[in-house]
Amino acid sequence: MSKHPDLLVRTPQMHLRMLVLFGLPILFVFSACWGNKAAAPTIPEDKMVRIMADLSIAEAATAQMNGYAKDSLTKVFYNQVFEMHQVQADQYEQNLRLYANDLPTMERIVQRVEATFETEKKADQ
């Protein structure tokens, strides 16, 4: 016989601990997933593709710079892109998060951004 026979007895406190340890985190994960699906992006996918492409160009334009100059110029370029597309930075970031929660859609957007660069590259040749 075991030295600790009371270890095999399940008490209400043990059930509560199991619920807290396993049930609540699972509940939070599911509620977070369900909550995100209710919100829909406010920036259409086509516009998001163009914004992301323009932001990539802005980033590439400052890639060889460093320090304060790079940070300042990148901020100016980003603000110009958002102004050009009539979008606020926080609106873009919120929509980016919403699209990122839908992996197939996000992959499609990234592929379309890459295709945009390929099309522009061919047009320049």
N, C-alpha and C. Protein backbone atom coordinates (compact mmCIF):
# COMPACT_ATOMS: atom_id res chain seq x y z
N MET A 1 0.83 -1.16 0.00
CA MET A 1 0.00 0.00 0.00
C MET A 1 0.89 1.24 0.00
N SER A 2 0.37 2.31 -0.56
CA SER A 2 1.12 3.55 -0.69
C SER A 2 1.24 4.26 0.65
N LYS A 3 2.32 5.01 0.81
CA LYS A 3 2.50 5.79 2.03
C LYS A 3 1.52 6.96 2.08
N HIS A 4 1.01 7.39 0.90
CA HIS A 4 0.12 8.55 0.82
C HIS A 4 -1.19 8.16 0.14
N PRO A 5 -2.05 7.43 0.83
CA PRO A 5 -3.30 6.99 0.20
C PRO A 5 -4.22 8.16 -0.14
N ASP A 6 -4.10 9.28 0.55
CA ASP A 6 -4.99 10.41 0.29
C ASP A 6 -4.65 11.13 -1.03
N LEU A 7 -3.53 10.81 -1.69
CA LEU A 7 -3.19 11.41 -2.97
C LEU A 7 -4.11 10.94 -4.09
N LEU A 8 -4.71 9.78 -3.93
CA LEU A 8 -5.59 9.24 -4.95
C LEU A 8 -7.02 9.75 -4.85
N VAL A 9 -7.36 10.37 -3.76
CA VAL A 9 -8.70 10.89 -3.55
C VAL A 9 -8.80 12.26 -4.22
N ARG A 10 -9.84 12.40 -5.07
CA ARG A 10 -10.04 13.68 -5.74
C ARG A 10 -11.03 14.51 -4.95
N THR A 11 -10.59 15.65 -4.57
CA THR A 11 -11.44 16.54 -3.78
C THR A 11 -12.00 17.64 -4.68
N PRO A 12 -13.02 18.34 -4.23
CA PRO A 12 -13.55 19.46 -5.02
C PRO A 12 -12.47 20.52 -5.32
N GLN A 13 -11.56 20.70 -4.39
CA GLN A 13 -10.48 21.66 -4.62
C GLN A 13 -9.60 21.23 -5.79
N MET A 14 -9.39 19.92 -5.92
CA MET A 14 -8.58 19.42 -7.04
C MET A 14 -9.30 19.66 -8.36
N HIS A 15 -10.62 19.46 -8.38
CA HIS A 15 -11.38 19.72 -9.60
C HIS A 15 -11.33 21.20 -9.97
N LEU A 16 -11.41 22.04 -8.98
CA LEU A 16 -11.33 23.47 -9.21
C LEU A 16 -9.96 23.85 -9.76
N ARG A 17 -8.91 23.29 -9.18
CA ARG A 17 -7.55 23.56 -9.67
C ARG A 17 -7.40 23.09 -11.12
N MET A 18 -7.93 21.92 -11.43
CA MET A 18 -7.85 21.40 -12.80
C MET A 18 -8.61 22.33 -13.75
N LEU A 19 -9.75 22.82 -13.33
CA LEU A 19 -10.52 23.74 -14.16
C LEU A 19 -9.73 25.02 -14.39
N VAL A 20 -9.14 25.55 -13.34
CA VAL A 20 -8.38 26.78 -13.47
C VAL A 20 -7.15 26.57 -14.34
N LEU A 21 -6.44 25.47 -14.12
CA LEU A 21 -5.21 25.22 -14.85
C LEU A 21 -5.43 24.89 -16.32
N PHE A 22 -6.50 24.16 -16.62
CA PHE A 22 -6.70 23.69 -17.99
C PHE A 22 -7.90 24.33 -18.68
N GLY A 23 -8.97 24.49 -17.97
CA GLY A 23 -10.20 24.98 -18.59
C GLY A 23 -10.19 26.45 -18.95
N LEU A 24 -9.73 27.28 -18.03
CA LEU A 24 -9.75 28.72 -18.29
C LEU A 24 -8.83 29.14 -19.42
N PRO A 25 -7.59 28.63 -19.50
CA PRO A 25 -6.77 29.01 -20.65
C PRO A 25 -7.40 28.59 -21.98
N ILE A 26 -8.00 27.43 -22.01
CA ILE A 26 -8.66 26.99 -23.24
C ILE A 26 -9.83 27.91 -23.57
N LEU A 27 -10.59 28.28 -22.56
CA LEU A 27 -11.71 29.20 -22.76
C LEU A 27 -11.22 30.54 -23.29
N PHE A 28 -10.12 31.07 -22.75
CA PHE A 28 -9.57 32.34 -23.23
C PHE A 28 -9.14 32.23 -24.68
N VAL A 29 -8.52 31.13 -25.05
CA VAL A 29 -8.07 30.95 -26.43
C VAL A 29 -9.28 30.94 -27.37
N PHE A 30 -10.30 30.17 -27.03
CA PHE A 30 -11.48 30.11 -27.88
C PHE A 30 -12.19 31.45 -27.95
N SER A 31 -12.32 32.13 -26.84
CA SER A 31 -13.02 33.42 -26.86
C SER A 31 -12.22 34.43 -27.66
N ALA A 32 -10.90 34.38 -27.60
CA ALA A 32 -10.08 35.30 -28.39
C ALA A 32 -10.25 35.03 -29.87
N CYS A 33 -10.29 33.76 -30.23
CA CYS A 33 -10.49 33.40 -31.64
C CYS A 33 -11.86 33.83 -32.13
N TRP A 34 -12.88 33.58 -31.34
CA TRP A 34 -14.24 33.96 -31.74
C TRP A 34 -14.37 35.47 -31.82
N GLY A 35 -13.75 36.18 -30.90
CA GLY A 35 -13.84 37.64 -30.89
C GLY A 35 -13.22 38.25 -32.13
N ASN A 36 -12.10 37.72 -32.61
CA ASN A 36 -11.42 38.27 -33.77
C ASN A 36 -12.21 38.05 -35.06
N LYS A 37 -12.96 36.97 -35.14
CA LYS A 37 -13.70 36.68 -36.34
C LYS A 37 -14.87 37.64 -36.52
N ALA A 38 -15.36 38.22 -35.44
CA ALA A 38 -16.47 39.14 -35.53
C ALA A 38 -16.03 40.45 -36.18
N ALA A 39 -14.80 40.87 -35.93
CA ALA A 39 -14.30 42.10 -36.50
C ALA A 39 -13.84 41.84 -37.93
N ALA A 40 -14.25 42.72 -38.82
CA ALA A 40 -13.85 42.59 -40.21
C ALA A 40 -12.95 43.76 -40.57
N PRO A 41 -11.98 43.53 -41.44
CA PRO A 41 -11.11 44.63 -41.86
C PRO A 41 -11.91 45.75 -42.52
N THR A 42 -11.49 46.98 -42.29
CA THR A 42 -12.14 48.13 -42.90
C THR A 42 -11.41 48.58 -44.17
N ILE A 43 -10.19 48.10 -44.35
CA ILE A 43 -9.44 48.39 -45.57
C ILE A 43 -9.61 47.21 -46.51
N PRO A 44 -10.14 47.44 -47.72
CA PRO A 44 -10.32 46.33 -48.66
C PRO A 44 -8.97 45.67 -49.02
N GLU A 45 -9.04 44.42 -49.38
CA GLU A 45 -7.83 43.65 -49.67
C GLU A 45 -7.00 44.29 -50.78
N ASP A 46 -7.64 44.77 -51.85
CA ASP A 46 -6.90 45.40 -52.95
C ASP A 46 -6.11 46.62 -52.47
N LYS A 47 -6.73 47.43 -51.64
CA LYS A 47 -6.07 48.62 -51.12
C LYS A 47 -4.93 48.23 -50.17
N MET A 48 -5.15 47.18 -49.38
CA MET A 48 -4.13 46.70 -48.46
C MET A 48 -2.89 46.24 -49.23
N VAL A 49 -3.11 45.57 -50.35
CA VAL A 49 -2.00 45.12 -51.20
C VAL A 49 -1.17 46.32 -51.65
N ARG A 50 -1.84 47.35 -52.13
CA ARG A 50 -1.12 48.53 -52.63
C ARG A 50 -0.38 49.26 -51.50
N ILE A 51 -1.03 49.37 -50.33
CA ILE A 51 -0.37 50.03 -49.19
C ILE A 51 0.87 49.25 -48.78
N MET A 52 0.75 47.93 -48.67
CA MET A 52 1.90 47.12 -48.27
C MET A 52 3.02 47.21 -49.29
N ALA A 53 2.68 47.26 -50.57
CA ALA A 53 3.70 47.40 -51.61
C ALA A 53 4.41 48.75 -51.47
N ASP A 54 3.65 49.80 -51.26
CA ASP A 54 4.25 51.13 -51.12
C ASP A 54 5.10 51.24 -49.85
N LEU A 55 4.67 50.61 -48.77
CA LEU A 55 5.47 50.60 -47.55
C LEU A 55 6.77 49.83 -47.75
N SER A 56 6.72 48.77 -48.53
CA SER A 56 7.94 48.00 -48.82
C SER A 56 8.92 48.84 -49.63
N ILE A 57 8.39 49.62 -50.56
CA ILE A 57 9.25 50.51 -51.35
C ILE A 57 9.88 51.56 -50.44
N ALA A 58 9.08 52.12 -49.54
CA ALA A 58 9.59 53.11 -48.59
C ALA A 58 10.69 52.51 -47.72
N GLU A 59 10.48 51.29 -47.28
CA GLU A 59 11.49 50.61 -46.46
C GLU A 59 12.76 50.36 -47.26
N ALA A 60 12.61 49.95 -48.51
CA ALA A 60 13.78 49.70 -49.36
C ALA A 60 14.56 50.98 -49.63
N ALA A 61 13.85 52.10 -49.72
CA ALA A 61 14.51 53.37 -50.00
C ALA A 61 15.44 53.80 -48.87
N THR A 62 15.18 53.33 -47.69
CA THR A 62 16.01 53.71 -46.54
C THR A 62 16.89 52.55 -46.03
N ALA A 63 16.93 51.46 -46.76
CA ALA A 63 17.63 50.26 -46.30
C ALA A 63 19.12 50.49 -46.10
N GLN A 64 19.73 51.33 -46.89
CA GLN A 64 21.18 51.55 -46.79
C GLN A 64 21.55 52.61 -45.75
N MET A 65 20.54 53.24 -45.17
CA MET A 65 20.79 54.28 -44.17
C MET A 65 20.82 53.64 -42.79
N ASN A 66 21.25 54.42 -41.79
CA ASN A 66 21.19 53.94 -40.42
C ASN A 66 21.02 55.11 -39.47
N GLY A 67 20.67 54.79 -38.26
CA GLY A 67 20.56 55.80 -37.21
C GLY A 67 19.33 56.68 -37.33
N TYR A 68 19.50 57.88 -36.80
CA TYR A 68 18.39 58.83 -36.72
C TYR A 68 17.87 59.20 -38.10
N ALA A 69 18.77 59.40 -39.06
CA ALA A 69 18.35 59.78 -40.41
C ALA A 69 17.42 58.73 -41.01
N LYS A 70 17.77 57.48 -40.83
CA LYS A 70 16.93 56.40 -41.36
C LYS A 70 15.56 56.42 -40.69
N ASP A 71 15.54 56.50 -39.39
CA ASP A 71 14.28 56.50 -38.66
C ASP A 71 13.39 57.67 -39.07
N SER A 72 13.99 58.84 -39.17
CA SER A 72 13.23 60.04 -39.53
C SER A 72 12.68 59.95 -40.95
N LEU A 73 13.52 59.54 -41.89
CA LEU A 73 13.09 59.46 -43.27
C LEU A 73 12.05 58.34 -43.46
N THR A 74 12.23 57.23 -42.77
CA THR A 74 11.26 56.14 -42.85
C THR A 74 9.90 56.62 -42.35
N LYS A 75 9.90 57.35 -41.27
CA LYS A 75 8.64 57.88 -40.73
C LYS A 75 7.97 58.83 -41.73
N VAL A 76 8.76 59.67 -42.35
CA VAL A 76 8.22 60.60 -43.37
C VAL A 76 7.62 59.80 -44.53
N PHE A 77 8.35 58.81 -45.01
CA PHE A 77 7.86 57.99 -46.13
C PHE A 77 6.58 57.26 -45.76
N TYR A 78 6.56 56.65 -44.56
CA TYR A 78 5.36 55.94 -44.12
C TYR A 78 4.16 56.88 -44.05
N ASN A 79 4.38 58.06 -43.48
CA ASN A 79 3.28 59.03 -43.38
C ASN A 79 2.78 59.44 -44.76
N GLN A 80 3.69 59.58 -45.72
CA GLN A 80 3.29 59.90 -47.08
C GLN A 80 2.45 58.79 -47.70
N VAL A 81 2.85 57.56 -47.47
CA VAL A 81 2.09 56.42 -47.99
C VAL A 81 0.69 56.41 -47.39
N PHE A 82 0.59 56.58 -46.08
CA PHE A 82 -0.73 56.58 -45.44
C PHE A 82 -1.58 57.74 -45.94
N GLU A 83 -0.98 58.90 -46.12
CA GLU A 83 -1.71 60.06 -46.62
C GLU A 83 -2.18 59.82 -48.06
N MET A 84 -1.30 59.25 -48.86
CA MET A 84 -1.62 58.97 -50.27
C MET A 84 -2.83 58.03 -50.38
N HIS A 85 -2.89 57.07 -49.47
CA HIS A 85 -3.99 56.08 -49.50
C HIS A 85 -5.16 56.48 -48.60
N GLN A 86 -5.06 57.65 -47.98
CA GLN A 86 -6.11 58.17 -47.10
C GLN A 86 -6.45 57.19 -45.98
N VAL A 87 -5.39 56.74 -45.30
CA VAL A 87 -5.50 55.77 -44.21
C VAL A 87 -4.64 56.29 -43.05
N GLN A 88 -5.12 56.10 -41.85
CA GLN A 88 -4.33 56.44 -40.67
C GLN A 88 -3.43 55.25 -40.32
N ALA A 89 -2.29 55.52 -39.71
CA ALA A 89 -1.34 54.46 -39.36
C ALA A 89 -1.97 53.42 -38.45
N ASP A 90 -2.73 53.88 -37.44
CA ASP A 90 -3.35 52.92 -36.52
C ASP A 90 -4.44 52.10 -37.20
N GLN A 91 -5.12 52.69 -38.18
CA GLN A 91 -6.12 51.94 -38.95
C GLN A 91 -5.44 50.84 -39.77
N TYR A 92 -4.30 51.19 -40.38
CA TYR A 92 -3.54 50.20 -41.14
C TYR A 92 -3.09 49.05 -40.23
N GLU A 93 -2.53 49.39 -39.07
CA GLU A 93 -2.03 48.38 -38.15
C GLU A 93 -3.14 47.47 -37.65
N GLN A 94 -4.30 48.05 -37.36
CA GLN A 94 -5.43 47.24 -36.91
C GLN A 94 -5.88 46.29 -38.01
N ASN A 95 -5.96 46.78 -39.23
CA ASN A 95 -6.35 45.92 -40.35
C ASN A 95 -5.31 44.87 -40.64
N LEU A 96 -4.04 45.22 -40.49
CA LEU A 96 -2.97 44.24 -40.70
C LEU A 96 -3.12 43.10 -39.70
N ARG A 97 -3.43 43.42 -38.44
CA ARG A 97 -3.65 42.38 -37.43
C ARG A 97 -4.84 41.50 -37.79
N LEU A 98 -5.91 42.12 -38.26
CA LEU A 98 -7.11 41.35 -38.63
C LEU A 98 -6.80 40.42 -39.80
N TYR A 99 -6.11 40.93 -40.81
CA TYR A 99 -5.74 40.07 -41.93
C TYR A 99 -4.77 38.97 -41.49
N ALA A 100 -3.85 39.28 -40.59
CA ALA A 100 -2.88 38.30 -40.12
C ALA A 100 -3.54 37.16 -39.34
N ASN A 101 -4.70 37.43 -38.76
CA ASN A 101 -5.43 36.37 -38.04
C ASN A 101 -6.06 35.36 -39.00
N ASP A 102 -6.15 35.73 -40.26
CA ASP A 102 -6.69 34.83 -41.29
C ASP A 102 -5.53 34.48 -42.22
N LEU A 103 -4.80 33.43 -41.87
CA LEU A 103 -3.56 33.08 -42.56
C LEU A 103 -3.72 32.93 -44.07
N PRO A 104 -4.73 32.21 -44.57
CA PRO A 104 -4.86 32.09 -46.04
C PRO A 104 -5.02 33.46 -46.73
N THR A 105 -5.79 34.34 -46.11
CA THR A 105 -5.97 35.67 -46.69
C THR A 105 -4.67 36.45 -46.65
N MET A 106 -3.95 36.38 -45.53
CA MET A 106 -2.68 37.10 -45.42
C MET A 106 -1.67 36.58 -46.43
N GLU A 107 -1.62 35.27 -46.61
CA GLU A 107 -0.70 34.69 -47.60
C GLU A 107 -1.06 35.18 -49.00
N ARG A 108 -2.35 35.25 -49.28
CA ARG A 108 -2.80 35.74 -50.59
C ARG A 108 -2.40 37.21 -50.79
N ILE A 109 -2.54 38.01 -49.76
CA ILE A 109 -2.16 39.43 -49.85
C ILE A 109 -0.67 39.55 -50.12
N VAL A 110 0.15 38.82 -49.38
CA VAL A 110 1.61 38.88 -49.57
C VAL A 110 1.98 38.42 -50.98
N GLN A 111 1.33 37.38 -51.47
CA GLN A 111 1.60 36.91 -52.83
C GLN A 111 1.22 37.97 -53.85
N ARG A 112 0.13 38.68 -53.60
CA ARG A 112 -0.28 39.74 -54.51
C ARG A 112 0.67 40.93 -54.47
N VAL A 113 1.24 41.22 -53.28
CA VAL A 113 2.24 42.28 -53.19
C VAL A 113 3.46 41.89 -54.02
N GLU A 114 3.90 40.65 -53.88
CA GLU A 114 5.05 40.17 -54.65
C GLU A 114 4.74 40.21 -56.14
N ALA A 115 3.54 39.83 -56.52
CA ALA A 115 3.13 39.86 -57.93
C ALA A 115 3.12 41.29 -58.46
N THR A 116 2.74 42.24 -57.61
CA THR A 116 2.76 43.65 -58.00
C THR A 116 4.17 44.08 -58.37
N PHE A 117 5.15 43.66 -57.56
CA PHE A 117 6.54 44.02 -57.85
C PHE A 117 7.01 43.36 -59.15
N GLU A 118 6.62 42.12 -59.35
CA GLU A 118 7.02 41.41 -60.59
C GLU A 118 6.42 42.10 -61.81
N THR A 119 5.17 42.51 -61.71
CA THR A 119 4.50 43.20 -62.83
C THR A 119 5.20 44.53 -63.12
N GLU A 120 5.51 45.28 -62.06
CA GLU A 120 6.18 46.57 -62.24
C GLU A 120 7.60 46.38 -62.80
N LYS A 121 8.26 45.32 -62.37
CA LYS A 121 9.61 45.04 -62.84
C LYS A 121 9.57 44.72 -64.34
N LYS A 122 8.61 43.92 -64.78
CA LYS A 122 8.49 43.58 -66.20
C LYS A 122 8.13 44.82 -67.02
N ALA A 123 7.31 45.71 -66.46
CA ALA A 123 6.91 46.92 -67.18
C ALA A 123 8.10 47.86 -67.38
N ASP A 124 9.05 47.84 -66.44
CA ASP A 124 10.22 48.70 -66.52
C ASP A 124 11.25 48.19 -67.54
N GLN A 125 11.17 46.93 -67.90
CA GLN A 125 12.17 46.34 -68.81
C GLN A 125 11.85 46.60 -70.25
